[in-house]
PDB file of all heavy atoms in Angstrom:
ATOM      1  N   HIS A   1      -1.190 -31.307-182.455  1.00  0.00           N
ATOM      2  CA  HIS A   1      -2.477 -30.917-183.051  1.00  0.00           C
ATOM      3  C   HIS A   1      -2.724 -29.414-182.986  1.00  0.00           C
ATOM      4  O   HIS A   1      -3.604 -28.906-183.685  1.00  0.00           O
ATOM      5  CB  HIS A   1      -3.633 -31.698-182.415  1.00  0.00           C
ATOM      6  CG  HIS A   1      -3.966 -31.316-181.008  1.00  0.00           C
ATOM      7  ND1 HIS A   1      -5.233 -31.427-180.485  1.00  0.00           N
ATOM      8  CD2 HIS A   1      -3.206 -30.846-179.977  1.00  0.00           C
ATOM      9  CE1 HIS A   1      -5.255 -31.049-179.220  1.00  0.00           C
ATOM     10  NE2 HIS A   1      -4.037 -30.697-178.900  1.00  0.00           N
ATOM     11  N   HIS A   2      -1.963 -28.700-182.167  1.00  0.00           N
ATOM     12  CA  HIS A   2      -2.093 -27.241-182.141  1.00  0.00           C
ATOM     13  C   HIS A   2      -1.311 -26.567-183.258  1.00  0.00           C
ATOM     14  O   HIS A   2      -1.484 -25.373-183.492  1.00  0.00           O
ATOM     15  CB  HIS A   2      -1.560 -26.683-180.815  1.00  0.00           C
ATOM     16  CG  HIS A   2      -2.339 -27.103-179.605  1.00  0.00           C
ATOM     17  ND1 HIS A   2      -3.684 -26.866-179.459  1.00  0.00           N
ATOM     18  CD2 HIS A   2      -1.948 -27.740-178.470  1.00  0.00           C
ATOM     19  CE1 HIS A   2      -4.098 -27.342-178.289  1.00  0.00           C
ATOM     20  NE2 HIS A   2      -3.062 -27.879-177.682  1.00  0.00           N
ATOM     21  N   GLY A   3      -0.425 -27.291-183.934  1.00  0.00           N
ATOM     22  CA  GLY A   3       0.540 -26.668-184.820  1.00  0.00           C
ATOM     23  C   GLY A   3       0.217 -26.801-186.293  1.00  0.00           C
ATOM     24  O   GLY A   3      -0.852 -27.250-186.710  1.00  0.00           O
ATOM     25  N   ILE A   4       1.179 -26.380-187.085  1.00  0.00           N
ATOM     26  CA  ILE A   4       1.148 -26.491-188.542  1.00  0.00           C
ATOM     27  C   ILE A   4       2.397 -27.261-188.946  1.00  0.00           C
ATOM     28  O   ILE A   4       3.472 -27.096-188.364  1.00  0.00           O
ATOM     29  CB  ILE A   4       1.147 -25.094-189.209  1.00  0.00           C
ATOM     30  CG1 ILE A   4      -0.203 -24.402-188.967  1.00  0.00           C
ATOM     31  CG2 ILE A   4       1.423 -25.187-190.686  1.00  0.00           C
ATOM     32  CD1 ILE A   4      -1.382 -25.023-189.674  1.00  0.00           C
ATOM     33  N   THR A   5       2.281 -28.094-189.964  1.00  0.00           N
ATOM     34  CA  THR A   5       3.403 -28.930-190.373  1.00  0.00           C
ATOM     35  C   THR A   5       4.529 -28.081-190.957  1.00  0.00           C
ATOM     36  O   THR A   5       4.316 -27.314-191.903  1.00  0.00           O
ATOM     37  CB  THR A   5       2.954 -29.952-191.427  1.00  0.00           C
ATOM     38  OG1 THR A   5       1.782 -30.611-190.956  1.00  0.00           O
ATOM     39  CG2 THR A   5       4.049 -30.983-191.678  1.00  0.00           C
ATOM     40  N   GLY A   6       5.724 -28.219-190.383  1.00  0.00           N
ATOM     41  CA  GLY A   6       6.888 -27.517-190.912  1.00  0.00           C
ATOM     42  C   GLY A   6       7.560 -28.333-192.001  1.00  0.00           C
ATOM     43  O   GLY A   6       7.019 -29.324-192.506  1.00  0.00           O
ATOM     44  N   PHE A   7       8.751 -27.932-192.353  1.00  0.00           N
ATOM     45  CA  PHE A   7       9.484 -28.619-193.418  1.00  0.00           C
ATOM     46  C   PHE A   7      10.663 -29.421-192.868  1.00  0.00           C
ATOM     47  O   PHE A   7      11.518 -29.870-193.607  1.00  0.00           O
ATOM     48  CB  PHE A   7       9.983 -27.597-194.448  1.00  0.00           C
ATOM     49  CG  PHE A   7       8.876 -27.036-195.283  1.00  0.00           C
ATOM     50  CD1 PHE A   7       8.150 -25.941-194.837  1.00  0.00           C
ATOM     51  CD2 PHE A   7       8.528 -27.614-196.491  1.00  0.00           C
ATOM     52  CE1 PHE A   7       7.117 -25.423-195.602  1.00  0.00           C
ATOM     53  CE2 PHE A   7       7.492 -27.103-197.257  1.00  0.00           C
ATOM     54  CZ  PHE A   7       6.776 -26.007-196.810  1.00  0.00           C
ATOM     55  N   GLU A   8      10.655 -29.576-191.508  1.00  0.00           N
ATOM     56  CA  GLU A   8      11.751 -30.302-190.905  1.00  0.00           C
ATOM     57  C   GLU A   8      11.403 -31.762-190.648  1.00  0.00           C
ATOM     58  O   GLU A   8      12.193 -32.506-190.086  1.00  0.00           O
ATOM     59  CB  GLU A   8      12.142 -29.641-189.566  1.00  0.00           C
ATOM     60  CG  GLU A   8      11.081 -29.764-188.469  1.00  0.00           C
ATOM     61  CD  GLU A   8       9.912 -28.800-188.630  1.00  0.00           C
ATOM     62  OE1 GLU A   8       9.990 -27.937-189.516  1.00  0.00           O
ATOM     63  OE2 GLU A   8       8.942 -28.906-187.874  1.00  0.00           O
ATOM     64  N   ASN A   9      10.216 -32.191-191.065  1.00  0.00           N
ATOM     65  CA  ASN A   9       9.776 -33.558-190.789  1.00  0.00           C
ATOM     66  C   ASN A   9      10.719 -34.587-191.410  1.00  0.00           C
ATOM     67  O   ASN A   9      11.088 -34.482-192.584  1.00  0.00           O
ATOM     68  CB  ASN A   9       8.365 -33.798-191.346  1.00  0.00           C
ATOM     69  CG  ASN A   9       7.337 -32.946-190.644  1.00  0.00           C
ATOM     70  OD1 ASN A   9       7.407 -31.734-190.715  1.00  0.00           O
ATOM     71  ND2 ASN A   9       6.388 -33.568-189.968  1.00  0.00           N
ATOM     72  N   SER A  10      11.075 -35.579-190.600  1.00  0.00           N
ATOM     73  CA  SER A  10      11.873 -36.680-191.129  1.00  0.00           C
ATOM     74  C   SER A  10      10.970 -37.629-191.915  1.00  0.00           C
ATOM     75  O   SER A  10       9.755 -37.645-191.749  1.00  0.00           O
ATOM     76  CB  SER A  10      12.546 -37.437-189.982  1.00  0.00           C
ATOM     77  OG  SER A  10      11.571 -37.933-189.078  1.00  0.00           O
ATOM     78  N   SER A  11      11.581 -38.398-192.790  1.00  0.00           N
ATOM     79  CA  SER A  11      10.806 -39.345-193.588  1.00  0.00           C
ATOM     80  C   SER A  11      10.512 -40.590-192.768  1.00  0.00           C
ATOM     81  O   SER A  11      11.362 -41.063-192.011  1.00  0.00           O
ATOM     82  CB  SER A  11      11.579 -39.723-194.850  1.00  0.00           C
ATOM     83  OG  SER A  11      11.759 -38.593-195.671  1.00  0.00           O
ATOM     84  N   PRO A  12       9.317 -41.138-192.916  1.00  0.00           N
ATOM     85  CA  PRO A  12       8.993 -42.359-192.176  1.00  0.00           C
ATOM     86  C   PRO A  12       9.543 -43.586-192.882  1.00  0.00           C
ATOM     87  O   PRO A  12       9.948 -43.541-194.054  1.00  0.00           O
ATOM     88  CB  PRO A  12       7.468 -42.366-192.191  1.00  0.00           C
ATOM     89  CG  PRO A  12       7.112 -41.699-193.490  1.00  0.00           C
ATOM     90  CD  PRO A  12       8.170 -40.642-193.704  1.00  0.00           C
ATOM     91  N   SER A  13       9.549 -44.688-192.165  1.00  0.00           N
ATOM     92  CA  SER A  13       9.816 -45.982-192.786  1.00  0.00           C
ATOM     93  C   SER A  13       8.486 -46.659-193.074  1.00  0.00           C
ATOM     94  O   SER A  13       7.501 -46.425-192.381  1.00  0.00           O
ATOM     95  CB  SER A  13      10.680 -46.856-191.876  1.00  0.00           C
ATOM     96  OG  SER A  13      10.017 -47.095-190.642  1.00  0.00           O
ATOM     97  N   PHE A  14       8.458 -47.488-194.103  1.00  0.00           N
ATOM     98  CA  PHE A  14       7.230 -48.126-194.558  1.00  0.00           C
ATOM     99  C   PHE A  14       7.382 -49.638-194.496  1.00  0.00           C
ATOM    100  O   PHE A  14       8.463 -50.184-194.710  1.00  0.00           O
ATOM    101  CB  PHE A  14       6.913 -47.737-196.005  1.00  0.00           C
ATOM    102  CG  PHE A  14       6.601 -46.286-196.214  1.00  0.00           C
ATOM    103  CD1 PHE A  14       7.618 -45.351-196.314  1.00  0.00           C
ATOM    104  CD2 PHE A  14       5.297 -45.850-196.309  1.00  0.00           C
ATOM    105  CE1 PHE A  14       7.340 -44.011-196.520  1.00  0.00           C
ATOM    106  CE2 PHE A  14       5.002 -44.506-196.517  1.00  0.00           C
ATOM    107  CZ  PHE A  14       6.033 -43.593-196.616  1.00  0.00           C
ATOM    108  N   GLN A  15       6.261 -50.289-194.226  1.00  0.00           N
ATOM    109  CA  GLN A  15       6.203 -51.740-194.348  1.00  0.00           C
ATOM    110  C   GLN A  15       4.836 -52.105-194.900  1.00  0.00           C
ATOM    111  O   GLN A  15       3.808 -51.685-194.356  1.00  0.00           O
ATOM    112  CB  GLN A  15       6.442 -52.412-192.996  1.00  0.00           C
ATOM    113  CG  GLN A  15       6.464 -53.933-193.076  1.00  0.00           C
ATOM    114  CD  GLN A  15       6.840 -54.571-191.748  1.00  0.00           C
ATOM    115  OE1 GLN A  15       7.346 -53.910-190.855  1.00  0.00           O
ATOM    116  NE2 GLN A  15       6.578 -55.872-191.632  1.00  0.00           N
ATOM    117  N   THR A  16       4.811 -52.864-195.975  1.00  0.00           N
ATOM    118  CA  THR A  16       3.539 -53.242-196.593  1.00  0.00           C
ATOM    119  C   THR A  16       3.412 -54.755-196.632  1.00  0.00           C
ATOM    120  O   THR A  16       4.396 -55.490-196.666  1.00  0.00           O
ATOM    121  CB  THR A  16       3.435 -52.697-198.029  1.00  0.00           C
ATOM    122  OG1 THR A  16       4.499 -53.232-198.807  1.00  0.00           O
ATOM    123  CG2 THR A  16       3.496 -51.188-198.046  1.00  0.00           C
ATOM    124  N   SER A  17       2.149 -55.188-196.594  1.00  0.00           N
ATOM    125  CA  SER A  17       1.824 -56.604-196.767  1.00  0.00           C
ATOM    126  C   SER A  17       0.417 -56.670-197.332  1.00  0.00           C
ATOM    127  O   SER A  17      -0.174 -55.627-197.642  1.00  0.00           O
ATOM    128  CB  SER A  17       1.936 -57.357-195.438  1.00  0.00           C
ATOM    129  OG  SER A  17       1.041 -56.807-194.482  1.00  0.00           O
ATOM    130  N   ASP A  18      -0.128 -57.858-197.445  1.00  0.00           N
ATOM    131  CA  ASP A  18      -1.478 -57.977-197.983  1.00  0.00           C
ATOM    132  C   ASP A  18      -2.461 -57.174-197.141  1.00  0.00           C
ATOM    133  O   ASP A  18      -2.622 -57.427-195.939  1.00  0.00           O
ATOM    134  CB  ASP A  18      -1.917 -59.446-198.007  1.00  0.00           C
ATOM    135  CG  ASP A  18      -1.155 -60.251-199.036  1.00  0.00           C
ATOM    136  OD1 ASP A  18      -0.521 -59.628-199.913  1.00  0.00           O
ATOM    137  OD2 ASP A  18      -1.172 -61.497-198.948  1.00  0.00           O
ATOM    138  N   HIS A  19      -3.097 -56.193-197.746  1.00  0.00           N
ATOM    139  CA  HIS A  19      -4.149 -55.398-197.114  1.00  0.00           C
ATOM    140  C   HIS A  19      -3.646 -54.550-195.946  1.00  0.00           C
ATOM    141  O   HIS A  19      -4.459 -54.053-195.162  1.00  0.00           O
ATOM    142  CB  HIS A  19      -5.302 -56.291-196.615  1.00  0.00           C
ATOM    143  CG  HIS A  19      -5.720 -57.348-197.570  1.00  0.00           C
ATOM    144  ND1 HIS A  19      -5.981 -57.085-198.901  1.00  0.00           N
ATOM    145  CD2 HIS A  19      -5.914 -58.682-197.410  1.00  0.00           C
ATOM    146  CE1 HIS A  19      -6.333 -58.204-199.515  1.00  0.00           C
ATOM    147  NE2 HIS A  19      -6.281 -59.192-198.637  1.00  0.00           N
ATOM    148  N   GLU A  20      -2.334 -54.350-195.795  1.00  0.00           N
ATOM    149  CA  GLU A  20      -1.817 -53.611-194.650  1.00  0.00           C
ATOM    150  C   GLU A  20      -0.692 -52.670-195.068  1.00  0.00           C
ATOM    151  O   GLU A  20       0.051 -52.935-196.012  1.00  0.00           O
ATOM    152  CB  GLU A  20      -1.307 -54.566-193.568  1.00  0.00           C
ATOM    153  CG  GLU A  20      -2.384 -55.455-192.981  1.00  0.00           C
ATOM    154  CD  GLU A  20      -1.853 -56.333-191.850  1.00  0.00           C
ATOM    155  OE1 GLU A  20      -0.642 -56.266-191.566  1.00  0.00           O
ATOM    156  OE2 GLU A  20      -2.649 -57.075-191.262  1.00  0.00           O
ATOM    157  N   LEU A  21      -0.576 -51.568-194.309  1.00  0.00           N
ATOM    158  CA  LEU A  21       0.479 -50.587-194.526  1.00  0.00           C
ATOM    159  C   LEU A  21       0.856 -49.997-193.172  1.00  0.00           C
ATOM    160  O   LEU A  21      -0.004 -49.486-192.450  1.00  0.00           O
ATOM    161  CB  LEU A  21      -0.015 -49.480-195.476  1.00  0.00           C
ATOM    162  CG  LEU A  21       0.886 -48.258-195.668  1.00  0.00           C
ATOM    163  CD1 LEU A  21       2.203 -48.662-196.325  1.00  0.00           C
ATOM    164  CD2 LEU A  21       0.169 -47.195-196.507  1.00  0.00           C
ATOM    165  N   ASP A  22       2.135 -50.088-192.803  1.00  0.00           N
ATOM    166  CA  ASP A  22       2.641 -49.548-191.545  1.00  0.00           C
ATOM    167  C   ASP A  22       3.555 -48.364-191.826  1.00  0.00           C
ATOM    168  O   ASP A  22       4.438 -48.436-192.689  1.00  0.00           O
ATOM    169  CB  ASP A  22       3.418 -50.605-190.762  1.00  0.00           C
ATOM    170  CG  ASP A  22       2.520 -51.683-190.182  1.00  0.00           C
ATOM    171  OD1 ASP A  22       1.287 -51.513-190.263  1.00  0.00           O
ATOM    172  OD2 ASP A  22       3.045 -52.677-189.661  1.00  0.00           O
ATOM    173  N   ILE A  23       3.338 -47.273-191.044  1.00  0.00           N
ATOM    174  CA  ILE A  23       4.132 -46.054-191.180  1.00  0.00           C
ATOM    175  C   ILE A  23       4.799 -45.792-189.834  1.00  0.00           C
ATOM    176  O   ILE A  23       4.117 -45.684-188.808  1.00  0.00           O
ATOM    177  CB  ILE A  23       3.252 -44.837-191.551  1.00  0.00           C
ATOM    178  CG1 ILE A  23       2.287 -45.188-192.690  1.00  0.00           C
ATOM    179  CG2 ILE A  23       4.112 -43.633-191.885  1.00  0.00           C
ATOM    180  CD1 ILE A  23       2.965 -45.561-193.965  1.00  0.00           C
ATOM    181  N   SER A  24       6.126 -45.663-189.817  1.00  0.00           N
ATOM    182  CA  SER A  24       6.850 -45.477-188.554  1.00  0.00           C
ATOM    183  C   SER A  24       7.782 -44.276-188.653  1.00  0.00           C
ATOM    184  O   SER A  24       8.605 -44.185-189.569  1.00  0.00           O
ATOM    185  CB  SER A  24       7.673 -46.726-188.225  1.00  0.00           C
ATOM    186  OG  SER A  24       6.847 -47.857-188.070  1.00  0.00           O
ATOM    187  N   TYR A  25       7.618 -43.349-187.701  1.00  0.00           N
ATOM    188  CA  TYR A  25       8.536 -42.236-187.526  1.00  0.00           C
ATOM    189  C   TYR A  25       9.396 -42.504-186.292  1.00  0.00           C
ATOM    190  O   TYR A  25       8.927 -43.126-185.327  1.00  0.00           O
ATOM    191  CB  TYR A  25       7.774 -40.922-187.311  1.00  0.00           C
ATOM    192  CG  TYR A  25       7.202 -40.307-188.562  1.00  0.00           C
ATOM    193  CD1 TYR A  25       5.908 -40.604-188.976  1.00  0.00           C
ATOM    194  CD2 TYR A  25       7.941 -39.388-189.310  1.00  0.00           C
ATOM    195  CE1 TYR A  25       5.366 -40.016-190.114  1.00  0.00           C
ATOM    196  CE2 TYR A  25       7.400 -38.799-190.447  1.00  0.00           C
ATOM    197  CZ  TYR A  25       6.118 -39.115-190.836  1.00  0.00           C
ATOM    198  OH  TYR A  25       5.589 -38.521-191.963  1.00  0.00           O
ATOM    199  N   PRO A  26      10.630 -42.025-186.257  1.00  0.00           N
ATOM    200  CA  PRO A  26      11.468 -42.213-185.071  1.00  0.00           C
ATOM    201  C   PRO A  26      10.812 -41.632-183.820  1.00  0.00           C
ATOM    202  O   PRO A  26      10.307 -40.505-183.840  1.00  0.00           O
ATOM    203  CB  PRO A  26      12.754 -41.442-185.421  1.00  0.00           C
ATOM    204  CG  PRO A  26      12.784 -41.390-186.913  1.00  0.00           C
ATOM    205  CD  PRO A  26      11.351 -41.318-187.340  1.00  0.00           C
ATOM    206  N   GLY A  27      10.795 -42.418-182.753  1.00  0.00           N
ATOM    207  CA  GLY A  27      10.248 -41.945-181.487  1.00  0.00           C
ATOM    208  C   GLY A  27       8.745 -41.891-181.413  1.00  0.00           C
ATOM    209  O   GLY A  27       8.187 -41.375-180.441  1.00  0.00           O
ATOM    210  N   CYS A  28       8.059 -42.401-182.428  1.00  0.00           N
ATOM    211  CA  CYS A  28       6.593 -42.363-182.460  1.00  0.00           C
ATOM    212  C   CYS A  28       6.053 -43.780-182.622  1.00  0.00           C
ATOM    213  O   CYS A  28       6.709 -44.639-183.210  1.00  0.00           O
ATOM    214  CB  CYS A  28       6.101 -41.504-183.624  1.00  0.00           C
ATOM    215  SG  CYS A  28       6.675 -39.794-183.579  1.00  0.00           S
ATOM    216  N   PRO A  29       4.854 -44.024-182.132  1.00  0.00           N
ATOM    217  CA  PRO A  29       4.253 -45.340-182.364  1.00  0.00           C
ATOM    218  C   PRO A  29       3.952 -45.552-183.838  1.00  0.00           C
ATOM    219  O   PRO A  29       3.738 -44.592-184.592  1.00  0.00           O
ATOM    220  CB  PRO A  29       2.961 -45.287-181.535  1.00  0.00           C
ATOM    221  CG  PRO A  29       2.655 -43.841-181.371  1.00  0.00           C
ATOM    222  CD  PRO A  29       3.975 -43.142-181.336  1.00  0.00           C
TER     223      PRO A  29
END
């Protein structure tokens, strides 16, 4: 939260279902 977004961010994986969307980055909840 102290920083600025760089350009090295990896792409997340997505999972969708009825009324729901999950976003997952490696090593993150």
